[in-house]
């Protein structure tokens, strides 16, 4: 099949494009929950870092946190 180089290159490009699209979909499915957990840990750390000194001040005054 001579003279079909253009068509074959288009088919190869479509094949690799479908592989890349599948990989990106799978990566997105895995990456989203991991990113949410990471953001939750970061925000939780910030919240704890903000409230821990307040609880320490209450404890130093001799009061209770409740």
PDB file of N, CA and C in Angstrom:
ATOM      1  N   UNK A   1       0.838  -1.176   0.000  1.00  0.00           N
ATOM      2  CA  UNK A   1       0.000   0.000   0.000  1.00  0.00           C
ATOM      3  C   UNK A   1       0.885   1.242   0.000  1.00  0.00           C
ATOM      4  N   UNK A   2       1.385   1.561  -1.141  1.00  0.00           N
ATOM      5  CA  UNK A   2       2.232   2.738  -1.244  1.00  0.00           C
ATOM      6  C   UNK A   2       1.374   3.987  -1.331  1.00  0.00           C
ATOM      7  N   UNK A   3       1.940   5.090  -0.888  1.00  0.00           N
ATOM      8  CA  UNK A   3       1.238   6.355  -0.953  1.00  0.00           C
ATOM      9  C   UNK A   3       0.228   6.555   0.166  1.00  0.00           C
ATOM     10  N   UNK A   4       0.239   5.698   1.155  1.00  0.00           N
ATOM     11  CA  UNK A   4      -0.713   5.788   2.259  1.00  0.00           C
ATOM     12  C   UNK A   4      -0.066   6.309   3.535  1.00  0.00           C
ATOM     13  N   UNK A   5       1.089   6.924   3.408  1.00  0.00           N
ATOM     14  CA  UNK A   5       1.800   7.388   4.601  1.00  0.00           C
ATOM     15  C   UNK A   5       0.979   8.416   5.374  1.00  0.00           C
ATOM     16  N   UNK A   6       0.340   9.323   4.685  1.00  0.00           N
ATOM     17  CA  UNK A   6      -0.468  10.346   5.346  1.00  0.00           C
ATOM     18  C   UNK A   6      -1.603   9.738   6.160  1.00  0.00           C
ATOM     19  N   UNK A   7      -2.302   8.787   5.553  1.00  0.00           N
ATOM     20  CA  UNK A   7      -3.406   8.138   6.258  1.00  0.00           C
ATOM     21  C   UNK A   7      -2.911   7.330   7.455  1.00  0.00           C
ATOM     22  N   UNK A   8      -1.800   6.648   7.279  1.00  0.00           N
ATOM     23  CA  UNK A   8      -1.256   5.847   8.381  1.00  0.00           C
ATOM     24  C   UNK A   8      -0.808   6.743   9.534  1.00  0.00           C
ATOM     25  N   UNK A   9      -0.215   7.871   9.221  1.00  0.00           N
ATOM     26  CA  UNK A   9       0.197   8.793  10.280  1.00  0.00           C
ATOM     27  C   UNK A   9      -1.014   9.353  11.017  1.00  0.00           C
ATOM     28  N   UNK A  10      -2.105   9.610  10.307  1.00  0.00           N
ATOM     29  CA  UNK A  10      -3.334  10.077  10.958  1.00  0.00           C
ATOM     30  C   UNK A  10      -3.891   9.006  11.891  1.00  0.00           C
ATOM     31  N   UNK A  11      -3.856   7.750  11.449  1.00  0.00           N
ATOM     32  CA  UNK A  11      -4.358   6.657  12.291  1.00  0.00           C
ATOM     33  C   UNK A  11      -3.486   6.478  13.532  1.00  0.00           C
ATOM     34  N   UNK A  12      -2.179   6.584  13.355  1.00  0.00           N
ATOM     35  CA  UNK A  12      -1.269   6.469  14.499  1.00  0.00           C
ATOM     36  C   UNK A  12      -1.490   7.619  15.470  1.00  0.00           C
ATOM     37  N   UNK A  13      -1.673   8.818  14.946  1.00  0.00           N
ATOM     38  CA  UNK A  13      -1.920   9.979  15.806  1.00  0.00           C
ATOM     39  C   UNK A  13      -3.222   9.806  16.579  1.00  0.00           C
ATOM     40  N   UNK A  14      -4.265   9.310  15.922  1.00  0.00           N
ATOM     41  CA  UNK A  14      -5.543   9.084  16.600  1.00  0.00           C
ATOM     42  C   UNK A  14      -5.395   8.015  17.677  1.00  0.00           C
ATOM     43  N   UNK A  15      -4.627   6.977  17.393  1.00  0.00           N
ATOM     44  CA  UNK A  15      -4.402   5.908  18.366  1.00  0.00           C
ATOM     45  C   UNK A  15      -3.715   6.447  19.616  1.00  0.00           C
ATOM     46  N   UNK A  16      -2.639   7.171  19.428  1.00  0.00           N
ATOM     47  CA  UNK A  16      -1.914   7.704  20.585  1.00  0.00           C
ATOM     48  C   UNK A  16      -2.720   8.778  21.314  1.00  0.00           C
ATOM     49  N   UNK A  17      -3.526   9.530  20.586  1.00  0.00           N
ATOM     50  CA  UNK A  17      -4.372  10.525  21.234  1.00  0.00           C
ATOM     51  C   UNK A  17      -5.399   9.844  22.131  1.00  0.00           C
ATOM     52  N   UNK A  18      -5.959   8.740  21.683  1.00  0.00           N
ATOM     53  CA  UNK A  18      -6.928   8.026  22.521  1.00  0.00           C
ATOM     54  C   UNK A  18      -6.255   7.440  23.756  1.00  0.00           C
ATOM     55  N   UNK A  19      -5.023   6.976  23.619  1.00  0.00           N
ATOM     56  CA  UNK A  19      -4.292   6.457  24.782  1.00  0.00           C
ATOM     57  C   UNK A  19      -4.044   7.580  25.787  1.00  0.00           C
ATOM     58  N   UNK A  20      -3.637   8.733  25.311  1.00  0.00           N
ATOM     59  CA  UNK A  20      -3.365   9.867  26.203  1.00  0.00           C
ATOM     60  C   UNK A  20      -4.647  10.334  26.886  1.00  0.00           C
ATOM     61  N   UNK A  21      -5.753  10.394  26.140  1.00  0.00           N
ATOM     62  CA  UNK A  21      -7.023  10.811  26.743  1.00  0.00           C
ATOM     63  C   UNK A  21      -7.461   9.837  27.830  1.00  0.00           C
ATOM     64  N   UNK A  22      -7.297   8.546  27.592  1.00  0.00           N
ATOM     65  CA  UNK A  22      -7.642   7.543  28.601  1.00  0.00           C
ATOM     66  C   UNK A  22      -6.773   7.703  29.835  1.00  0.00           C
ATOM     67  N   UNK A  23      -5.482   7.916  29.636  1.00  0.00           N
ATOM     68  CA  UNK A  23      -4.573   8.104  30.769  1.00  0.00           C
ATOM     69  C   UNK A  23      -4.964   9.330  31.582  1.00  0.00           C
ATOM     70  N   UNK A  24      -5.277  10.438  30.904  1.00  0.00           N
ATOM     71  CA  UNK A  24      -5.637  11.665  31.614  1.00  0.00           C
ATOM     72  C   UNK A  24      -6.945  11.509  32.384  1.00  0.00           C
ATOM     73  N   UNK A  25      -7.908  10.781  31.833  1.00  0.00           N
ATOM     74  CA  UNK A  25      -9.157  10.534  32.556  1.00  0.00           C
ATOM     75  C   UNK A  25      -8.888   9.722  33.818  1.00  0.00           C
ATOM     76  N   UNK A  26      -8.099   8.665  33.691  1.00  0.00           N
ATOM     77  CA  UNK A  26      -7.782   7.832  34.859  1.00  0.00           C
ATOM     78  C   UNK A  26      -6.981   8.620  35.888  1.00  0.00           C
ATOM     79  N   UNK A  27      -6.038   9.412  35.427  1.00  0.00           N
ATOM     80  CA  UNK A  27      -5.236  10.215  36.346  1.00  0.00           C
ATOM     81  C   UNK A  27      -6.110  11.201  37.098  1.00  0.00           C
ATOM     82  N   UNK A  28      -7.061  11.820  36.405  1.00  0.00           N
ATOM     83  CA  UNK A  28      -7.976  12.759  37.053  1.00  0.00           C
ATOM     84  C   UNK A  28      -8.833  12.087  38.095  1.00  0.00           C
ATOM     85  N   UNK A  29      -9.298  10.883  37.806  1.00  0.00           N
ATOM     86  CA  UNK A  29     -10.128  10.144  38.757  1.00  0.00           C
ATOM     87  C   UNK A  29      -9.339   9.830  40.018  1.00  0.00           C
ATOM     88  N   UNK A  30      -8.068   9.502  39.883  1.00  0.00           N
ATOM     89  CA  UNK A  30      -7.234   9.182  41.051  1.00  0.00           C
ATOM     90  C   UNK A  30      -6.761  10.455  41.744  1.00  0.00           C
ATOM     91  N   UNK A  31      -6.450  11.487  40.988  1.00  0.00           N
ATOM     92  CA  UNK A  31      -5.842  12.694  41.542  1.00  0.00           C
ATOM     93  C   UNK A  31      -6.818  13.525  42.364  1.00  0.00           C
ATOM     94  N   UNK A  32      -8.090  13.563  41.981  1.00  0.00           N
ATOM     95  CA  UNK A  32      -9.063  14.405  42.685  1.00  0.00           C
ATOM     96  C   UNK A  32      -9.207  14.036  44.157  1.00  0.00           C
ATOM     97  N   UNK A  33      -9.442  12.766  44.511  1.00  0.00           N
ATOM     98  CA  UNK A  33      -9.554  12.447  45.939  1.00  0.00           C
ATOM     99  C   UNK A  33      -8.261  12.687  46.711  1.00  0.00           C
ATOM    100  N   UNK A  34      -7.134  12.412  46.085  1.00  0.00           N
ATOM    101  CA  UNK A  34      -5.852  12.641  46.755  1.00  0.00           C
ATOM    102  C   UNK A  34      -5.672  14.128  47.034  1.00  0.00           C
ATOM    103  N   UNK A  35      -6.031  14.964  46.083  1.00  0.00           N
ATOM    104  CA  UNK A  35      -5.906  16.409  46.268  1.00  0.00           C
ATOM    105  C   UNK A  35      -6.856  16.908  47.349  1.00  0.00           C
ATOM    106  N   UNK A  36      -8.076  16.369  47.404  1.00  0.00           N
ATOM    107  CA  UNK A  36      -9.024  16.761  48.446  1.00  0.00           C
ATOM    108  C   UNK A  36      -8.505  16.389  49.830  1.00  0.00           C
ATOM    109  N   UNK A  37      -7.942  15.199  49.963  1.00  0.00           N
ATOM    110  CA  UNK A  37      -7.386  14.782  51.254  1.00  0.00           C
ATOM    111  C   UNK A  37      -6.227  15.688  51.640  1.00  0.00           C
ATOM    112  N   UNK A  38      -5.360  15.984  50.691  1.00  0.00           N
ATOM    113  CA  UNK A  38      -4.218  16.860  50.965  1.00  0.00           C
ATOM    114  C   UNK A  38      -4.683  18.244  51.403  1.00  0.00           C
ATOM    115  N   UNK A  39      -5.676  18.797  50.714  1.00  0.00           N
ATOM    116  CA  UNK A  39      -6.184  20.117  51.084  1.00  0.00           C
ATOM    117  C   UNK A  39      -6.833  20.076  52.464  1.00  0.00           C
ATOM    118  N   UNK A  40      -7.530  18.995  52.782  1.00  0.00           N
ATOM    119  CA  UNK A  40      -8.126  18.849  54.104  1.00  0.00           C
ATOM    120  C   UNK A  40      -7.083  18.822  55.201  1.00  0.00           C
ATOM    121  N   UNK A  41      -5.980  18.126  54.951  1.00  0.00           N
ATOM    122  CA  UNK A  41      -4.895  18.073  55.938  1.00  0.00           C
ATOM    123  C   UNK A  41      -4.279  19.454  56.123  1.00  0.00           C
ATOM    124  N   UNK A  42      -4.059  20.163  55.041  1.00  0.00           N
ATOM    125  CA  UNK A  42      -3.468  21.503  55.138  1.00  0.00           C
ATOM    126  C   UNK A  42      -4.397  22.443  55.898  1.00  0.00           C
ATOM    127  N   UNK A  43      -5.681  22.440  55.556  1.00  0.00           N
ATOM    128  CA  UNK A  43      -6.632  23.325  56.235  1.00  0.00           C
ATOM    129  C   UNK A  43      -6.782  22.924  57.695  1.00  0.00           C
ATOM    130  N   UNK A  44      -6.824  21.625  57.974  1.00  0.00           N
ATOM    131  CA  UNK A  44      -6.901  21.164  59.361  1.00  0.00           C
ATOM    132  C   UNK A  44      -5.697  21.602  60.170  1.00  0.00           C
ATOM    133  N   UNK A  45      -4.518  21.537  59.578  1.00  0.00           N
ATOM    134  CA  UNK A  45      -3.307  21.978  60.264  1.00  0.00           C
ATOM    135  C   UNK A  45      -3.374  23.473  60.573  1.00  0.00           C
ATOM    136  N   UNK A  46      -3.860  24.249  59.631  1.00  0.00           N
ATOM    137  CA  UNK A  46      -3.979  25.694  59.858  1.00  0.00           C
ATOM    138  C   UNK A  46      -4.972  25.981  60.979  1.00  0.00           C
ATOM    139  N   UNK A  47      -6.105  25.291  60.976  1.00  0.00           N
ATOM    140  CA  UNK A  47      -7.116  25.507  62.021  1.00  0.00           C
ATOM    141  C   UNK A  47      -6.562  25.124  63.386  1.00  0.00           C
ATOM    142  N   UNK A  48      -5.891  23.991  63.479  1.00  0.00           N
ATOM    143  CA  UNK A  48      -5.299  23.574  64.756  1.00  0.00           C
ATOM    144  C   UNK A  48      -4.243  24.575  65.202  1.00  0.00           C
ATOM    145  N   UNK A  49      -3.431  25.053  64.262  1.00  0.00           N
ATOM    146  CA  UNK A  49      -2.398  26.032  64.610  1.00  0.00           C
ATOM    147  C   UNK A  49      -3.010  27.336  65.106  1.00  0.00           C
ATOM    148  N   UNK A  50      -4.214  27.670  64.664  1.00  0.00           N
ATOM    149  CA  UNK A  50      -4.865  28.895  65.122  1.00  0.00           C
ATOM    150  C   UNK A  50      -5.488  28.720  66.501  1.00  0.00           C
ATOM    151  N   UNK A  51      -6.119  27.583  66.757  1.00  0.00           N
ATOM    152  CA  UNK A  51      -6.859  27.405  68.001  1.00  0.00           C
ATOM    153  C   UNK A  51      -6.019  26.876  69.154  1.00  0.00           C
ATOM    154  N   UNK A  52      -4.915  26.213  68.899  1.00  0.00           N
ATOM    155  CA  UNK A  52      -4.086  25.666  69.973  1.00  0.00           C
ATOM    156  C   UNK A  52      -3.566  26.751  70.909  1.00  0.00           C
ATOM    157  N   UNK A  53      -3.074  27.877  70.429  1.00  0.00           N
ATOM    158  CA  UNK A  53      -2.636  28.929  71.357  1.00  0.00           C
ATOM    159  C   UNK A  53      -3.777  29.473  72.216  1.00  0.00           C
ATOM    160  N   UNK A  54      -4.975  29.534  71.682  1.00  0.00           N
ATOM    161  CA  UNK A  54      -6.114  30.014  72.470  1.00  0.00           C
ATOM    162  C   UNK A  54      -6.390  29.058  73.617  1.00  0.00           C
ATOM    163  N   UNK A  55      -6.378  27.774  73.360  1.00  0.00           N
ATOM    164  CA  UNK A  55      -6.597  26.791  74.421  1.00  0.00           C
ATOM    165  C   UNK A  55      -5.467  26.836  75.443  1.00  0.00           C
ATOM    166  N   UNK A  56      -4.249  27.083  74.990  1.00  0.00           N
ATOM    167  CA  UNK A  56      -3.122  27.196  75.924  1.00  0.00           C
ATOM    168  C   UNK A  56      -3.293  28.404  76.838  1.00  0.00           C
ATOM    169  N   UNK A  57      -3.782  29.519  76.321  1.00  0.00           N
ATOM    170  CA  UNK A  57      -4.013  30.705  77.152  1.00  0.00           C
ATOM    171  C   UNK A  57      -5.068  30.433  78.215  1.00  0.00           C
ATOM    172  N   UNK A  58      -6.129  29.750  77.860  1.00  0.00           N
ATOM    173  CA  UNK A  58      -7.175  29.415  78.827  1.00  0.00           C
ATOM    174  C   UNK A  58      -6.606  28.512  79.909  1.00  0.00           C
ATOM    175  N   UNK A  59      -5.791  27.569  79.532  1.00  0.00           N
ATOM    176  CA  UNK A  59      -5.191  26.650  80.500  1.00  0.00           C
ATOM    177  C   UNK A  59      -4.225  27.393  81.418  1.00  0.00           C
ATOM    178  N   UNK A  60      -3.465  28.344  80.894  1.00  0.00           N
ATOM    179  CA  UNK A  60      -2.525  29.107  81.720  1.00  0.00           C
ATOM    180  C   UNK A  60      -3.249  29.960  82.762  1.00  0.00           C
ATOM    181  N   UNK A  61      -4.425  30.442  82.441  1.00  0.00           N
ATOM    182  CA  UNK A  61      -5.196  31.249  83.391  1.00  0.00           C
ATOM    183  C   UNK A  61      -5.773  30.390  84.503  1.00  0.00           C
ATOM    184  N   UNK A  62      -5.734  29.096  84.350  1.00  0.00           N
ATOM    185  CA  UNK A  62      -6.252  28.213  85.380  1.00  0.00           C
ATOM    186  C   UNK A  62      -7.681  27.798  85.140  1.00  0.00           C
ATOM    187  N   UNK A  63      -8.237  28.197  84.045  1.00  0.00           N
ATOM    188  CA  UNK A  63      -9.605  27.823  83.726  1.00  0.00           C
ATOM    189  C   UNK A  63      -9.635  26.504  82.986  1.00  0.00           C
ATOM    190  N   UNK A  64     -10.825  26.100  82.662  1.00  0.00           N
ATOM    191  CA  UNK A  64     -10.958  24.883  81.875  1.00  0.00           C
ATOM    192  C   UNK A  64     -11.408  25.264  80.470  1.00  0.00           C
ATOM    193  N   UNK A  65     -11.164  24.392  79.554  1.00  0.00           N
ATOM    194  CA  UNK A  65     -11.521  24.652  78.168  1.00  0.00           C
ATOM    195  C   UNK A  65     -13.031  24.575  78.002  1.00  0.00           C
ATOM    196  N   UNK A  66     -13.694  23.774  78.809  1.00  0.00           N
ATOM    197  CA  UNK A  66     -15.157  23.633  78.710  1.00  0.00           C
ATOM    198  C   UNK A  66     -15.752  24.854  79.254  1.00  0.00           C
TER     199      UNK A  66
END
